[in-house]
Every structure is written in structure tokens, then in C-alpha cells.
């Protein structure tokens, strides 16, 4: 895990209220969220996407846990990325390096100036995983569609099975930002020394306790031991979304959820799960919605940490 991409690193009274349309945001993250979200430019609503289908220099990308979902129907014009093969180097068991990211974006018709809207199933697990990687290579115009694939379908906005063939572009990525990724050695150092770094285990309580090695509906595999990294706070990723439609909770609710467990913006924070996708969702919430400035996603997560010989764990 030391090779490849080793990353760098709100009701507020606003007078006058900002015009969010220029950020690609409908005025729905809206009264409930827009004026308070740290980075409103990072979230768009399904209505905004529907209004801008076919816009020049806008790329829609679906990234699903279920890699067959895209073929069953997707937002018209969206390309599909397979997280198992296109967002990971399967030989190195690592995320993409700079050259691989350049190829993926270029083949998807994406240039540095393109606005990319990401969405997917499971409340955007792998959409935020892709967002995290794109941010790591310096793509600035990238957004998450609030509520993801299921909200779009529930609103009967229409899907297509047509697979677009975007014109290939030449993409020049920035050097990797190492400040937003935690590696194995970095996490081991945190786990074995006294420090003020907050660890957030975003898995389900049964995974945190060591009863399960993976989500209950998945094969129980990936690591040699169950449990969690010492001193980690168990704040499941799903705590951050509304059960009714998968959209993000309000800033006040999120501040209470994380701050109430000692995960505050004055600290450096590391999020982890089993393979890095659920923790990227929590990374997104902490950085893009709450505005925490020092957050790393540990993509090796429990699959890696739980198999390290001699690494300290708790149950």
C-alpha cells in the first residue's frame, strides 16, 4: 500500500443569500443545507442534474457497488465506472496512480475543465470513493448527486440503457495529494503512539466489535481478525444520511453526530471501513459538508489492518 497513489494533504446568516446556481447547485441543498455547507459546490440535487442533461462540458458518471446496475438503466448520458477494475489496480491491490487516472478520465471524455457529477447506489458509497480519488489528483470541478441512483429512480426522472461513446480527451492530472490519504504505516504509528488524531470506524457495530468481518450481507472474508483500531470511535457511515431518501443530513445534525463523539474540526481525523469506500463517504461528509480541513481516508482499512501481524486491535 506504499506504492501508487500515496495521497497529500450550516444555518448561517448570509446577507445577501448567495446565488448557488453558478456552483451547479439547485436552491434545494437548499434552505435546509446550502448556506451552511462548507463546500456547496461539491453537491448537486437530482433536479439540477435533470435540468442540465446534455450540457456541454458536463460529464455524468455512475459508480455502483452492484457492478451490473448501470446496464439495467442509468441517468441518460452517464458513463459507468466499474469500481473493481477501473478505480483499483487489481495487481497491486491499490488505488489508481496518476497515469491510470489520466487514462480513465481521458477515455471518459473528461478534461481538466469538465464538470463531473458522480452518483451511484448504496447512498453513493463508490461515488464518494471516486470523488476522493479525483480530488486527490487535483480535479476541481467534481460533485456528488445528493441521494444517488435510488433517489433519481424514486423520482421517476427517467433512465436509459444506451451507453455513450464520449470523445476521448487528453487529461493531465496533478501530482497526488498525500494529505487526504492514510497509509498502513501512518495508521500503525497513530495506533501505537499517544496523539490527538481522531480515528473514525464507519462500519456497522457488529463489524466494529469483531463479531463480523464484513457487512452482514457479504461473505465474511478480507481480514484475518475482527475488531477495530484502538481508540477508534464507531460512527457508522449511515448516520450521515436520511433514511427516507439517502440525502445528507443537515449540518446541525452532522455536527452533533461527529462532535458528540469527539470528532471535532481542530483535530486530524482518519476514517476507515473495510475496503475504503464507506469511509470515503464519511470523508466526504467531514470535508465537504462540515469543512474539516485535516481528514485522511484509510483505503486499506480493516482488510489490510486486520491482517497485519502484531498490529494492536481492540474488541
C-alpha atoms as a PDB file:
ATOM      1  CA  UNK A   1       0.000   0.000   0.000  1.00  0.00           C
ATOM      2  CA  UNK A   2       3.017   2.315  -0.027  1.00  0.00           C
ATOM      3  CA  UNK A   3       3.082   2.341  -3.829  1.00  0.00           C
ATOM      4  CA  UNK A   4       0.872   4.151  -6.294  1.00  0.00           C
ATOM      5  CA  UNK A   5      -1.396   6.870  -5.005  1.00  0.00           C
ATOM      6  CA  UNK A   6       0.069   7.944  -1.647  1.00  0.00           C
ATOM      7  CA  UNK A   7      -2.117  10.992  -1.090  1.00  0.00           C
ATOM      8  CA  UNK A   8      -1.250  14.596   0.221  1.00  0.00           C
ATOM      9  CA  UNK A   9      -2.858  16.512   2.202  1.00  0.00           C
ATOM     10  CA  UNK A  10     -24.910  25.349   8.337  1.00  0.00           C
ATOM     11  CA  UNK A  11     -27.835  27.804   9.092  1.00  0.00           C
ATOM     12  CA  UNK A  12     -25.608  30.777   8.823  1.00  0.00           C
ATOM     13  CA  UNK A  13     -26.991  34.282   8.447  1.00  0.00           C
ATOM     14  CA  UNK A  14     -25.867  35.200   4.971  1.00  0.00           C
ATOM     15  CA  UNK A  15     -26.741  38.672   3.723  1.00  0.00           C
ATOM     16  CA  UNK A  16     -27.381  38.661   0.879  1.00  0.00           C
ATOM     17  CA  UNK A  17     -28.024  34.975   0.254  1.00  0.00           C
ATOM     18  CA  UNK A  18     -25.530  33.570  -2.254  1.00  0.00           C
ATOM     19  CA  UNK A  19     -26.566  32.659  -5.771  1.00  0.00           C
ATOM     20  CA  UNK A  20     -25.746  28.953  -5.787  1.00  0.00           C
ATOM     21  CA  UNK A  21     -26.733  28.379  -9.389  1.00  0.00           C
ATOM     22  CA  UNK A  22     -23.270  29.322 -10.515  1.00  0.00           C
ATOM     23  CA  UNK A  23     -21.875  26.449  -8.462  1.00  0.00           C
ATOM     24  CA  UNK A  24     -24.191  23.948 -10.141  1.00  0.00           C
ATOM     25  CA  UNK A  25     -26.409  23.712  -7.061  1.00  0.00           C
ATOM     26  CA  UNK A  26     -30.151  23.856  -7.106  1.00  0.00           C
ATOM     27  CA  UNK A  27     -31.510  26.018  -4.347  1.00  0.00           C
ATOM     28  CA  UNK A  28     -32.513  22.795  -2.521  1.00  0.00           C
ATOM     29  CA  UNK A  29     -29.107  21.781  -0.538  1.00  0.00           C
ATOM     30  CA  UNK A  30     -31.486  24.245  -0.272  1.00  0.00           C
ATOM     31  CA  UNK A  31     -32.847  26.179   2.592  1.00  0.00           C
ATOM     32  CA  UNK A  32     -32.018  23.270   4.787  1.00  0.00           C
ATOM     33  CA  UNK A  33     -28.344  22.981   3.878  1.00  0.00           C
ATOM     34  CA  UNK A  34     -26.992  25.314   1.202  1.00  0.00           C
ATOM     35  CA  UNK A  35     -25.947  28.389   3.171  1.00  0.00           C
ATOM     36  CA  UNK A  36     -24.319  26.208   5.780  1.00  0.00           C
ATOM     37  CA  UNK A  37     -22.456  23.555   3.797  1.00  0.00           C
ATOM     38  CA  UNK A  38     -18.711  24.214   3.789  1.00  0.00           C
ATOM     39  CA  UNK A  39     -18.361  23.356   0.092  1.00  0.00           C
ATOM     40  CA  UNK A  40     -21.775  23.709  -1.585  1.00  0.00           C
ATOM     41  CA  UNK A  41     -20.079  23.423  -4.959  1.00  0.00           C
ATOM     42  CA  UNK A  42     -19.445  19.729  -4.188  1.00  0.00           C
ATOM     43  CA  UNK A  43     -23.122  18.692  -4.053  1.00  0.00           C
ATOM     44  CA  UNK A  44     -25.920  18.924  -6.615  1.00  0.00           C
ATOM     45  CA  UNK A  45     -29.536  17.837  -6.394  1.00  0.00           C
ATOM     46  CA  UNK A  46     -31.307  15.457  -8.761  1.00  0.00           C
ATOM     47  CA  UNK A  47     -33.426  18.351 -10.085  1.00  0.00           C
ATOM     48  CA  UNK A  48     -30.312  20.251 -11.116  1.00  0.00           C
ATOM     49  CA  UNK A  49     -28.945  17.213 -12.919  1.00  0.00           C
ATOM     50  CA  UNK A  50     -32.259  16.715 -14.757  1.00  0.00           C
ATOM     51  CA  UNK A  51     -32.212  20.350 -15.871  1.00  0.00           C
ATOM     52  CA  UNK A  52     -28.653  20.137 -17.171  1.00  0.00           C
ATOM     53  CA  UNK A  53     -28.697  16.822 -19.037  1.00  0.00           C
ATOM     54  CA  UNK A  54     -26.824  17.281 -22.290  1.00  0.00           C
ATOM     55  CA  UNK A  55     -24.929  20.397 -21.203  1.00  0.00           C
ATOM     56  CA  UNK A  56     -21.575  20.914 -22.848  1.00  0.00           C
ATOM     57  CA  UNK A  57     -18.565  20.092 -20.697  1.00  0.00           C
ATOM     58  CA  UNK A  58     -20.679  18.220 -18.144  1.00  0.00           C
ATOM     59  CA  UNK A  59     -19.872  14.542 -17.515  1.00  0.00           C
ATOM     60  CA  UNK A  60     -22.178  12.243 -15.556  1.00  0.00           C
ATOM     61  CA  UNK A  61     -20.562   9.144 -14.049  1.00  0.00           C
ATOM     62  CA  UNK A  62     -22.315   6.266 -12.266  1.00  0.00           C
ATOM     63  CA  UNK A  63     -20.260   4.127  -9.875  1.00  0.00           C
ATOM     64  CA  UNK A  64     -22.136   1.302  -8.150  1.00  0.00           C
ATOM     65  CA  UNK A  65     -21.465  -1.380  -5.576  1.00  0.00           C
ATOM     66  CA  UNK A  66     -23.540  -3.621  -7.855  1.00  0.00           C
ATOM     67  CA  UNK A  67     -21.445  -3.532 -10.998  1.00  0.00           C
ATOM     68  CA  UNK A  68     -24.419  -4.758 -13.085  1.00  0.00           C
ATOM     69  CA  UNK A  69     -26.733  -1.908 -12.055  1.00  0.00           C
ATOM     70  CA  UNK A  70     -25.519   0.533 -14.707  1.00  0.00           C
ATOM     71  CA  UNK A  71     -26.528  -1.781 -17.541  1.00  0.00           C
ATOM     72  CA  UNK A  72     -30.048  -2.061 -16.127  1.00  0.00           C
ATOM     73  CA  UNK A  73     -30.592   1.677 -16.547  1.00  0.00           C
ATOM     74  CA  UNK A  74     -28.785   4.881 -15.641  1.00  0.00           C
ATOM     75  CA  UNK A  75     -29.132   8.643 -15.843  1.00  0.00           C
ATOM     76  CA  UNK A  76     -29.269   9.436 -19.593  1.00  0.00           C
ATOM     77  CA  UNK A  77     -25.815  10.264 -20.900  1.00  0.00           C
ATOM     78  CA  UNK A  78     -23.930   8.881 -17.897  1.00  0.00           C
ATOM     79  CA  UNK A  79     -20.887   6.688 -18.341  1.00  0.00           C
ATOM     80  CA  UNK A  80     -20.336   3.822 -15.930  1.00  0.00           C
ATOM     81  CA  UNK A  81     -17.192   3.050 -13.981  1.00  0.00           C
ATOM     82  CA  UNK A  82     -16.600  -0.406 -12.529  1.00  0.00           C
ATOM     83  CA  UNK A  83     -15.024   0.163  -9.111  1.00  0.00           C
ATOM     84  CA  UNK A  84     -13.397  -3.275  -9.054  1.00  0.00           C
ATOM     85  CA  UNK A  85     -11.420  -2.798 -12.255  1.00  0.00           C
ATOM     86  CA  UNK A  86     -11.429   0.924 -13.109  1.00  0.00           C
ATOM     87  CA  UNK A  87     -10.902   2.542  -9.706  1.00  0.00           C
ATOM     88  CA  UNK A  88      -8.420  -0.020  -8.404  1.00  0.00           C
ATOM     89  CA  UNK A  89      -5.206  -1.585  -9.614  1.00  0.00           C
ATOM     90  CA  UNK A  90      -6.081  -5.245  -9.155  1.00  0.00           C
ATOM     91  CA  UNK A  91      -2.458  -6.410  -9.425  1.00  0.00           C
ATOM     92  CA  UNK A  92      -1.017  -4.040  -6.818  1.00  0.00           C
ATOM     93  CA  UNK A  93      -4.214  -4.067  -4.714  1.00  0.00           C
ATOM     94  CA  UNK A  94      -4.074  -0.295  -4.687  1.00  0.00           C
ATOM     95  CA  UNK A  95      -5.998   2.715  -5.884  1.00  0.00           C
ATOM     96  CA  UNK A  96      -5.137   4.345  -9.190  1.00  0.00           C
ATOM     97  CA  UNK A  97      -1.834   6.031  -9.800  1.00  0.00           C
ATOM     98  CA  UNK A  98      -1.559   9.273 -11.759  1.00  0.00           C
ATOM     99  CA  UNK A  99      -1.116   7.630 -15.152  1.00  0.00           C
ATOM    100  CA  UNK A 100      -4.065   5.287 -14.634  1.00  0.00           C
ATOM    101  CA  UNK A 101      -6.299   8.172 -13.563  1.00  0.00           C
ATOM    102  CA  UNK A 102      -5.314  10.150 -16.650  1.00  0.00           C
ATOM    103  CA  UNK A 103      -6.327   7.226 -18.867  1.00  0.00           C
ATOM    104  CA  UNK A 104      -9.660   6.700 -17.083  1.00  0.00           C
ATOM    105  CA  UNK A 105     -10.670  10.350 -17.269  1.00  0.00           C
ATOM    106  CA  UNK A 106      -9.457  10.830 -20.817  1.00  0.00           C
ATOM    107  CA  UNK A 107     -11.322   7.753 -22.071  1.00  0.00           C
ATOM    108  CA  UNK A 108     -14.449   9.020 -20.293  1.00  0.00           C
ATOM    109  CA  UNK A 109     -14.336  12.271 -22.272  1.00  0.00           C
ATOM    110  CA  UNK A 110     -13.266  14.297 -19.253  1.00  0.00           C
ATOM    111  CA  UNK A 111     -10.839  17.227 -19.429  1.00  0.00           C
ATOM    112  CA  UNK A 112      -9.487  19.413 -16.624  1.00  0.00           C
ATOM    113  CA  UNK A 113     -12.255  21.933 -17.306  1.00  0.00           C
ATOM    114  CA  UNK A 114     -15.071  19.354 -17.300  1.00  0.00           C
ATOM    115  CA  UNK A 115     -17.635  19.413 -14.503  1.00  0.00           C
ATOM    116  CA  UNK A 116     -18.008  15.820 -13.277  1.00  0.00           C
ATOM    117  CA  UNK A 117     -21.158  14.723 -11.424  1.00  0.00           C
ATOM    118  CA  UNK A 118     -20.771  11.383  -9.653  1.00  0.00           C
ATOM    119  CA  UNK A 119     -23.563   9.218  -8.282  1.00  0.00           C
ATOM    120  CA  UNK A 120     -24.257   5.578  -7.505  1.00  0.00           C
ATOM    121  CA  UNK A 121     -26.148   3.021  -5.472  1.00  0.00           C
ATOM    122  CA  UNK A 122     -25.905   2.423  -1.707  1.00  0.00           C
ATOM    123  CA  UNK A 123     -26.212   6.149  -0.993  1.00  0.00           C
ATOM    124  CA  UNK A 124     -23.181   6.969  -3.128  1.00  0.00           C
ATOM    125  CA  UNK A 125     -20.591   4.695  -1.499  1.00  0.00           C
ATOM    126  CA  UNK A 126     -18.396   4.348  -4.548  1.00  0.00           C
ATOM    127  CA  UNK A 127     -19.368   7.726  -5.991  1.00  0.00           C
ATOM    128  CA  UNK A 128     -17.675   9.336  -2.984  1.00  0.00           C
ATOM    129  CA  UNK A 129     -14.785   6.874  -3.375  1.00  0.00           C
ATOM    130  CA  UNK A 130     -14.330   8.178  -6.933  1.00  0.00           C
ATOM    131  CA  UNK A 131     -14.745  11.771  -5.704  1.00  0.00           C
ATOM    132  CA  UNK A 132     -11.961  11.243  -3.172  1.00  0.00           C
ATOM    133  CA  UNK A 133      -9.617   9.889  -5.844  1.00  0.00           C
ATOM    134  CA  UNK A 134     -10.415  12.694  -8.302  1.00  0.00           C
ATOM    135  CA  UNK A 135      -9.784  15.293  -5.611  1.00  0.00           C
ATOM    136  CA  UNK A 136      -6.508  13.568  -4.862  1.00  0.00           C
ATOM    137  CA  UNK A 137      -5.340  14.215  -8.403  1.00  0.00           C
ATOM    138  CA  UNK A 138      -6.488  17.801  -8.462  1.00  0.00           C
ATOM    139  CA  UNK A 139      -9.782  17.724 -10.370  1.00  0.00           C
ATOM    140  CA  UNK A 140     -11.618  20.757  -9.003  1.00  0.00           C
ATOM    141  CA  UNK A 141     -14.984  20.564 -10.783  1.00  0.00           C
ATOM    142  CA  UNK A 142     -16.391  17.409  -9.232  1.00  0.00           C
ATOM    143  CA  UNK A 143     -19.713  16.965  -7.443  1.00  0.00           C
ATOM    144  CA  UNK A 144     -21.890  14.312  -5.815  1.00  0.00           C
ATOM    145  CA  UNK A 145     -25.570  13.962  -6.755  1.00  0.00           C
ATOM    146  CA  UNK A 146     -27.373  14.066  -3.427  1.00  0.00           C
ATOM    147  CA  UNK A 147     -29.349  10.875  -2.810  1.00  0.00           C
ATOM    148  CA  UNK A 148     -27.642   8.974  -5.607  1.00  0.00           C
ATOM    149  CA  UNK A 149     -29.081   6.479  -8.033  1.00  0.00           C
ATOM    150  CA  UNK A 150     -32.041   5.400  -5.927  1.00  0.00           C
ATOM    151  CA  UNK A 151     -33.350   8.928  -5.402  1.00  0.00           C
ATOM    152  CA  UNK A 152     -33.214   9.558  -9.153  1.00  0.00           C
ATOM    153  CA  UNK A 153     -35.190   6.364  -9.798  1.00  0.00           C
ATOM    154  CA  UNK A 154     -37.673   7.034  -6.993  1.00  0.00           C
ATOM    155  CA  UNK A 155     -38.436  10.427  -8.509  1.00  0.00           C
ATOM    156  CA  UNK A 156     -39.185   8.795 -11.893  1.00  0.00           C
ATOM    157  CA  UNK A 157     -36.768  11.082 -13.679  1.00  0.00           C
ATOM    158  CA  UNK A 158     -36.098   8.512 -16.377  1.00  0.00           C
ATOM    159  CA  UNK A 159     -33.246   6.151 -17.134  1.00  0.00           C
ATOM    160  CA  UNK A 160     -31.531   4.880 -20.257  1.00  0.00           C
ATOM    161  CA  UNK A 161     -29.702   1.719 -21.223  1.00  0.00           C
ATOM    162  CA  UNK A 162     -27.802   3.486 -24.010  1.00  0.00           C
ATOM    163  CA  UNK A 163     -24.060   3.516 -23.391  1.00  0.00           C
ATOM    164  CA  UNK A 164     -22.493   6.787 -24.551  1.00  0.00           C
ATOM    165  CA  UNK A 165     -19.245   6.899 -26.507  1.00  0.00           C
ATOM    166  CA  UNK A 166     -17.593  10.131 -25.367  1.00  0.00           C
ATOM    167  CA  UNK A 167     -14.851  11.688 -27.444  1.00  0.00           C
ATOM    168  CA  UNK A 168     -11.503  10.807 -25.929  1.00  0.00           C
ATOM    169  CA  UNK A 169      -9.674  13.690 -24.258  1.00  0.00           C
ATOM    170  CA  UNK A 170      -6.100  14.196 -23.150  1.00  0.00           C
ATOM    171  CA  UNK A 171      -6.061  14.578 -19.382  1.00  0.00           C
ATOM    172  CA  UNK A 172      -3.117  15.848 -17.354  1.00  0.00           C
ATOM    173  CA  UNK A 173      -3.595  15.096 -13.671  1.00  0.00           C
ATOM    174  CA  UNK A 174      -1.853  16.901 -10.835  1.00  0.00           C
ATOM    175  CA  UNK A 175       0.615  15.083  -8.653  1.00  0.00           C
ATOM    176  CA  UNK A 176      -1.083  13.074  -5.917  1.00  0.00           C
ATOM    177  CA  UNK A 177      -2.213  14.994  -2.845  1.00  0.00           C
ATOM    178  CA  UNK A 178      -0.815  12.943   0.031  1.00  0.00           C
ATOM    179  CA  UNK A 179      -2.672  14.866   2.740  1.00  0.00           C
ATOM    180  CA  UNK A 180      -6.017  13.131   2.185  1.00  0.00           C
ATOM    181  CA  UNK A 181      -4.844   9.526   2.273  1.00  0.00           C
ATOM    182  CA  UNK A 182      -3.673   7.476   5.256  1.00  0.00           C
ATOM    183  CA  UNK A 183      -1.369   4.536   4.568  1.00  0.00           C
ATOM    184  CA  UNK A 184      -0.722   1.403   6.627  1.00  0.00           C
ATOM    185  CA  UNK A 185       2.420   2.732   8.296  1.00  0.00           C
ATOM    186  CA  UNK A 186       0.784   6.054   9.052  1.00  0.00           C
ATOM    187  CA  UNK A 187      -2.147   4.347  10.774  1.00  0.00           C
ATOM    188  CA  UNK A 188       0.117   1.943  12.666  1.00  0.00           C
ATOM    189  CA  UNK A 189       2.044   4.907  14.021  1.00  0.00           C
ATOM    190  CA  UNK A 190      -1.223   6.540  15.124  1.00  0.00           C
ATOM    191  CA  UNK A 191      -2.394   3.303  16.764  1.00  0.00           C
ATOM    192  CA  UNK A 192       0.812   2.794  18.750  1.00  0.00           C
ATOM    193  CA  UNK A 193       1.652   6.324  19.970  1.00  0.00           C
ATOM    194  CA  UNK A 194      -0.036   8.966  22.086  1.00  0.00           C
ATOM    195  CA  UNK A 195      -1.556  11.614  19.826  1.00  0.00           C
ATOM    196  CA  UNK A 196      -4.586  13.816  19.244  1.00  0.00           C
ATOM    197  CA  UNK A 197      -5.666  12.173  15.983  1.00  0.00           C
ATOM    198  CA  UNK A 198      -9.287  11.044  15.830  1.00  0.00           C
ATOM    199  CA  UNK A 199      -9.975   7.632  14.284  1.00  0.00           C
ATOM    200  CA  UNK A 200     -13.462   7.030  12.880  1.00  0.00           C
ATOM    201  CA  UNK A 201     -14.534   3.452  12.184  1.00  0.00           C
ATOM    202  CA  UNK A 202     -17.553   3.876   9.908  1.00  0.00           C
ATOM    203  CA  UNK A 203     -18.523   0.179   9.794  1.00  0.00           C
ATOM    204  CA  UNK A 204     -21.580  -1.365  11.407  1.00  0.00           C
ATOM    205  CA  UNK A 205     -21.391  -2.026  15.164  1.00  0.00           C
ATOM    206  CA  UNK A 206     -21.122  -5.793  14.600  1.00  0.00           C
ATOM    207  CA  UNK A 207     -18.021  -5.237  12.445  1.00  0.00           C
ATOM    208  CA  UNK A 208     -16.568  -2.795  14.961  1.00  0.00           C
ATOM    209  CA  UNK A 209     -16.973  -5.310  17.794  1.00  0.00           C
ATOM    210  CA  UNK A 210     -15.342  -8.099  15.783  1.00  0.00           C
ATOM    211  CA  UNK A 211     -18.500 -10.197  15.505  1.00  0.00           C
ATOM    212  CA  UNK A 212     -18.410  -9.754  11.710  1.00  0.00           C
ATOM    213  CA  UNK A 213     -15.550  -9.193   9.266  1.00  0.00           C
ATOM    214  CA  UNK A 214     -17.742  -7.593   6.584  1.00  0.00           C
ATOM    215  CA  UNK A 215     -21.279  -6.241   6.178  1.00  0.00           C
ATOM    216  CA  UNK A 216     -23.814  -8.896   7.140  1.00  0.00           C
ATOM    217  CA  UNK A 217     -24.978  -9.429   3.541  1.00  0.00           C
ATOM    218  CA  UNK A 218     -21.458 -10.074   2.209  1.00  0.00           C
ATOM    219  CA  UNK A 219     -19.063 -13.027   2.509  1.00  0.00           C
ATOM    220  CA  UNK A 220     -17.197 -12.867   5.827  1.00  0.00           C
ATOM    221  CA  UNK A 221     -13.730 -12.510   4.392  1.00  0.00           C
ATOM    222  CA  UNK A 222     -10.987  -9.959   3.814  1.00  0.00           C
ATOM    223  CA  UNK A 223      -9.030  -9.872   7.075  1.00  0.00           C
ATOM    224  CA  UNK A 224      -7.590 -12.394   9.497  1.00  0.00           C
ATOM    225  CA  UNK A 225      -9.048 -10.860  12.670  1.00  0.00           C
ATOM    226  CA  UNK A 226     -12.151  -8.997  13.738  1.00  0.00           C
ATOM    227  CA  UNK A 227     -12.213  -5.884  15.881  1.00  0.00           C
ATOM    228  CA  UNK A 228     -11.167  -2.263  15.476  1.00  0.00           C
ATOM    229  CA  UNK A 229      -8.156   0.021  15.700  1.00  0.00           C
ATOM    230  CA  UNK A 230      -7.517   1.106  19.309  1.00  0.00           C
ATOM    231  CA  UNK A 231      -9.294   4.315  20.381  1.00  0.00           C
ATOM    232  CA  UNK A 232     -11.436   4.467  17.235  1.00  0.00           C
ATOM    233  CA  UNK A 233     -14.936   5.923  17.540  1.00  0.00           C
ATOM    234  CA  UNK A 234     -17.643   3.841  15.864  1.00  0.00           C
ATOM    235  CA  UNK A 235     -19.737   6.289  13.819  1.00  0.00           C
ATOM    236  CA  UNK A 236     -21.395   4.260  11.030  1.00  0.00           C
ATOM    237  CA  UNK A 237     -21.426   5.964   7.640  1.00  0.00           C
ATOM    238  CA  UNK A 238     -25.236   5.654   7.509  1.00  0.00           C
ATOM    239  CA  UNK A 239     -25.504   8.034  10.461  1.00  0.00           C
ATOM    240  CA  UNK A 240     -24.893  10.847   7.981  1.00  0.00           C
ATOM    241  CA  UNK A 241     -27.828  10.197   5.629  1.00  0.00           C
ATOM    242  CA  UNK A 242     -31.591  10.457   5.814  1.00  0.00           C
ATOM    243  CA  UNK A 243     -33.147   7.011   5.751  1.00  0.00           C
ATOM    244  CA  UNK A 244     -36.091   8.219   3.656  1.00  0.00           C
ATOM    245  CA  UNK A 245     -34.164   9.237   0.535  1.00  0.00           C
ATOM    246  CA  UNK A 246     -30.431   8.784   1.137  1.00  0.00           C
ATOM    247  CA  UNK A 247     -29.691  12.515   1.108  1.00  0.00           C
ATOM    248  CA  UNK A 248     -27.226  14.024   3.540  1.00  0.00           C
ATOM    249  CA  UNK A 249     -28.476  15.135   6.938  1.00  0.00           C
ATOM    250  CA  UNK A 250     -28.410  18.783   7.944  1.00  0.00           C
ATOM    251  CA  UNK A 251     -25.205  20.400   9.098  1.00  0.00           C
ATOM    252  CA  UNK A 252     -26.557  20.756  12.635  1.00  0.00           C
ATOM    253  CA  UNK A 253     -27.328  17.047  12.807  1.00  0.00           C
ATOM    254  CA  UNK A 254     -23.930  16.107  11.404  1.00  0.00           C
ATOM    255  CA  UNK A 255     -22.081  18.375  13.804  1.00  0.00           C
ATOM    256  CA  UNK A 256     -23.881  16.724  16.684  1.00  0.00           C
ATOM    257  CA  UNK A 257     -23.213  13.211  15.374  1.00  0.00           C
ATOM    258  CA  UNK A 258     -19.454  13.708  14.983  1.00  0.00           C
ATOM    259  CA  UNK A 259     -18.753  16.374  17.569  1.00  0.00           C
ATOM    260  CA  UNK A 260     -20.660  14.391  20.158  1.00  0.00           C
ATOM    261  CA  UNK A 261     -18.144  11.583  19.756  1.00  0.00           C
ATOM    262  CA  UNK A 262     -15.100  13.839  19.993  1.00  0.00           C
ATOM    263  CA  UNK A 263     -14.569  14.088  16.229  1.00  0.00           C
ATOM    264  CA  UNK A 264     -14.028  17.837  16.039  1.00  0.00           C
ATOM    265  CA  UNK A 265     -12.513  20.123  13.381  1.00  0.00           C
ATOM    266  CA  UNK A 266      -9.496  21.060  15.480  1.00  0.00           C
ATOM    267  CA  UNK A 267      -8.134  17.504  15.186  1.00  0.00           C
ATOM    268  CA  UNK A 268      -6.678  15.491  12.372  1.00  0.00           C
ATOM    269  CA  UNK A 269      -9.156  12.738  11.522  1.00  0.00           C
ATOM    270  CA  UNK A 270      -8.691   9.336   9.858  1.00  0.00           C
ATOM    271  CA  UNK A 271     -11.711   7.469   8.517  1.00  0.00           C
ATOM    272  CA  UNK A 272     -11.687   3.751   7.734  1.00  0.00           C
ATOM    273  CA  UNK A 273     -14.066   0.866   6.997  1.00  0.00           C
ATOM    274  CA  UNK A 274     -13.335  -2.492   5.361  1.00  0.00           C
ATOM    275  CA  UNK A 275     -12.025  -1.533   1.902  1.00  0.00           C
ATOM    276  CA  UNK A 276     -12.203   2.279   1.851  1.00  0.00           C
ATOM    277  CA  UNK A 277     -15.477   3.066   0.107  1.00  0.00           C
ATOM    278  CA  UNK A 278     -17.764   3.600   3.107  1.00  0.00           C
ATOM    279  CA  UNK A 279     -15.027   5.605   4.789  1.00  0.00           C
ATOM    280  CA  UNK A 280     -14.770   7.833   1.697  1.00  0.00           C
ATOM    281  CA  UNK A 281     -18.457   8.654   2.241  1.00  0.00           C
ATOM    282  CA  UNK A 282     -17.660   9.809   5.789  1.00  0.00           C
ATOM    283  CA  UNK A 283     -14.552  11.613   4.490  1.00  0.00           C
ATOM    284  CA  UNK A 284     -16.829  13.499   2.093  1.00  0.00           C
ATOM    285  CA  UNK A 285     -19.222  14.461   4.884  1.00  0.00           C
ATOM    286  CA  UNK A 286     -16.436  15.697   7.142  1.00  0.00           C
ATOM    287  CA  UNK A 287     -14.514  17.638   4.472  1.00  0.00           C
ATOM    288  CA  UNK A 288     -17.131  18.861   2.004  1.00  0.00           C
ATOM    289  CA  UNK A 289     -20.160  19.400   4.261  1.00  0.00           C
ATOM    290  CA  UNK A 290     -18.641  20.156   7.666  1.00  0.00           C
ATOM    291  CA  UNK A 291     -15.438  21.699   6.349  1.00  0.00           C
ATOM    292  CA  UNK A 292     -12.911  19.765   8.439  1.00  0.00           C
ATOM    293  CA  UNK A 293      -9.522  20.616   6.984  1.00  0.00           C
ATOM    294  CA  UNK A 294      -7.399  17.652   8.110  1.00  0.00           C
ATOM    295  CA  UNK A 295      -9.105  14.399   7.184  1.00  0.00           C
ATOM    296  CA  UNK A 296      -7.454  11.321   5.691  1.00  0.00           C
ATOM    297  CA  UNK A 297      -9.211   8.285   4.249  1.00  0.00           C
ATOM    298  CA  UNK A 298      -7.501   4.989   5.075  1.00  0.00           C
ATOM    299  CA  UNK A 299      -8.467   2.982   1.998  1.00  0.00           C
ATOM    300  CA  UNK A 300      -6.512  -0.087   3.090  1.00  0.00           C
ATOM    301  CA  UNK A 301      -8.954  -0.121   6.000  1.00  0.00           C
ATOM    302  CA  UNK A 302      -9.761  -3.222   8.023  1.00  0.00           C
ATOM    303  CA  UNK A 303      -8.965  -5.641   5.191  1.00  0.00           C
ATOM    304  CA  UNK A 304      -5.363  -4.513   5.473  1.00  0.00           C
ATOM    305  CA  UNK A 305      -5.081  -3.546   9.133  1.00  0.00           C
ATOM    306  CA  UNK A 306      -6.855  -6.640  10.460  1.00  0.00           C
ATOM    307  CA  UNK A 307      -4.250  -8.854   8.777  1.00  0.00           C
ATOM    308  CA  UNK A 308      -1.075  -7.055   9.913  1.00  0.00           C
ATOM    309  CA  UNK A 309       0.993  -9.332  12.147  1.00  0.00           C
ATOM    310  CA  UNK A 310       1.398  -7.767  15.556  1.00  0.00           C
ATOM    311  CA  UNK A 311      -0.848  -4.744  14.954  1.00  0.00           C
ATOM    312  CA  UNK A 312      -2.804  -3.742  18.078  1.00  0.00           C
ATOM    313  CA  UNK A 313      -6.577  -4.164  17.948  1.00  0.00           C
ATOM    314  CA  UNK A 314      -9.471  -3.825  20.332  1.00  0.00           C
ATOM    315  CA  UNK A 315     -12.768  -5.682  20.571  1.00  0.00           C
END
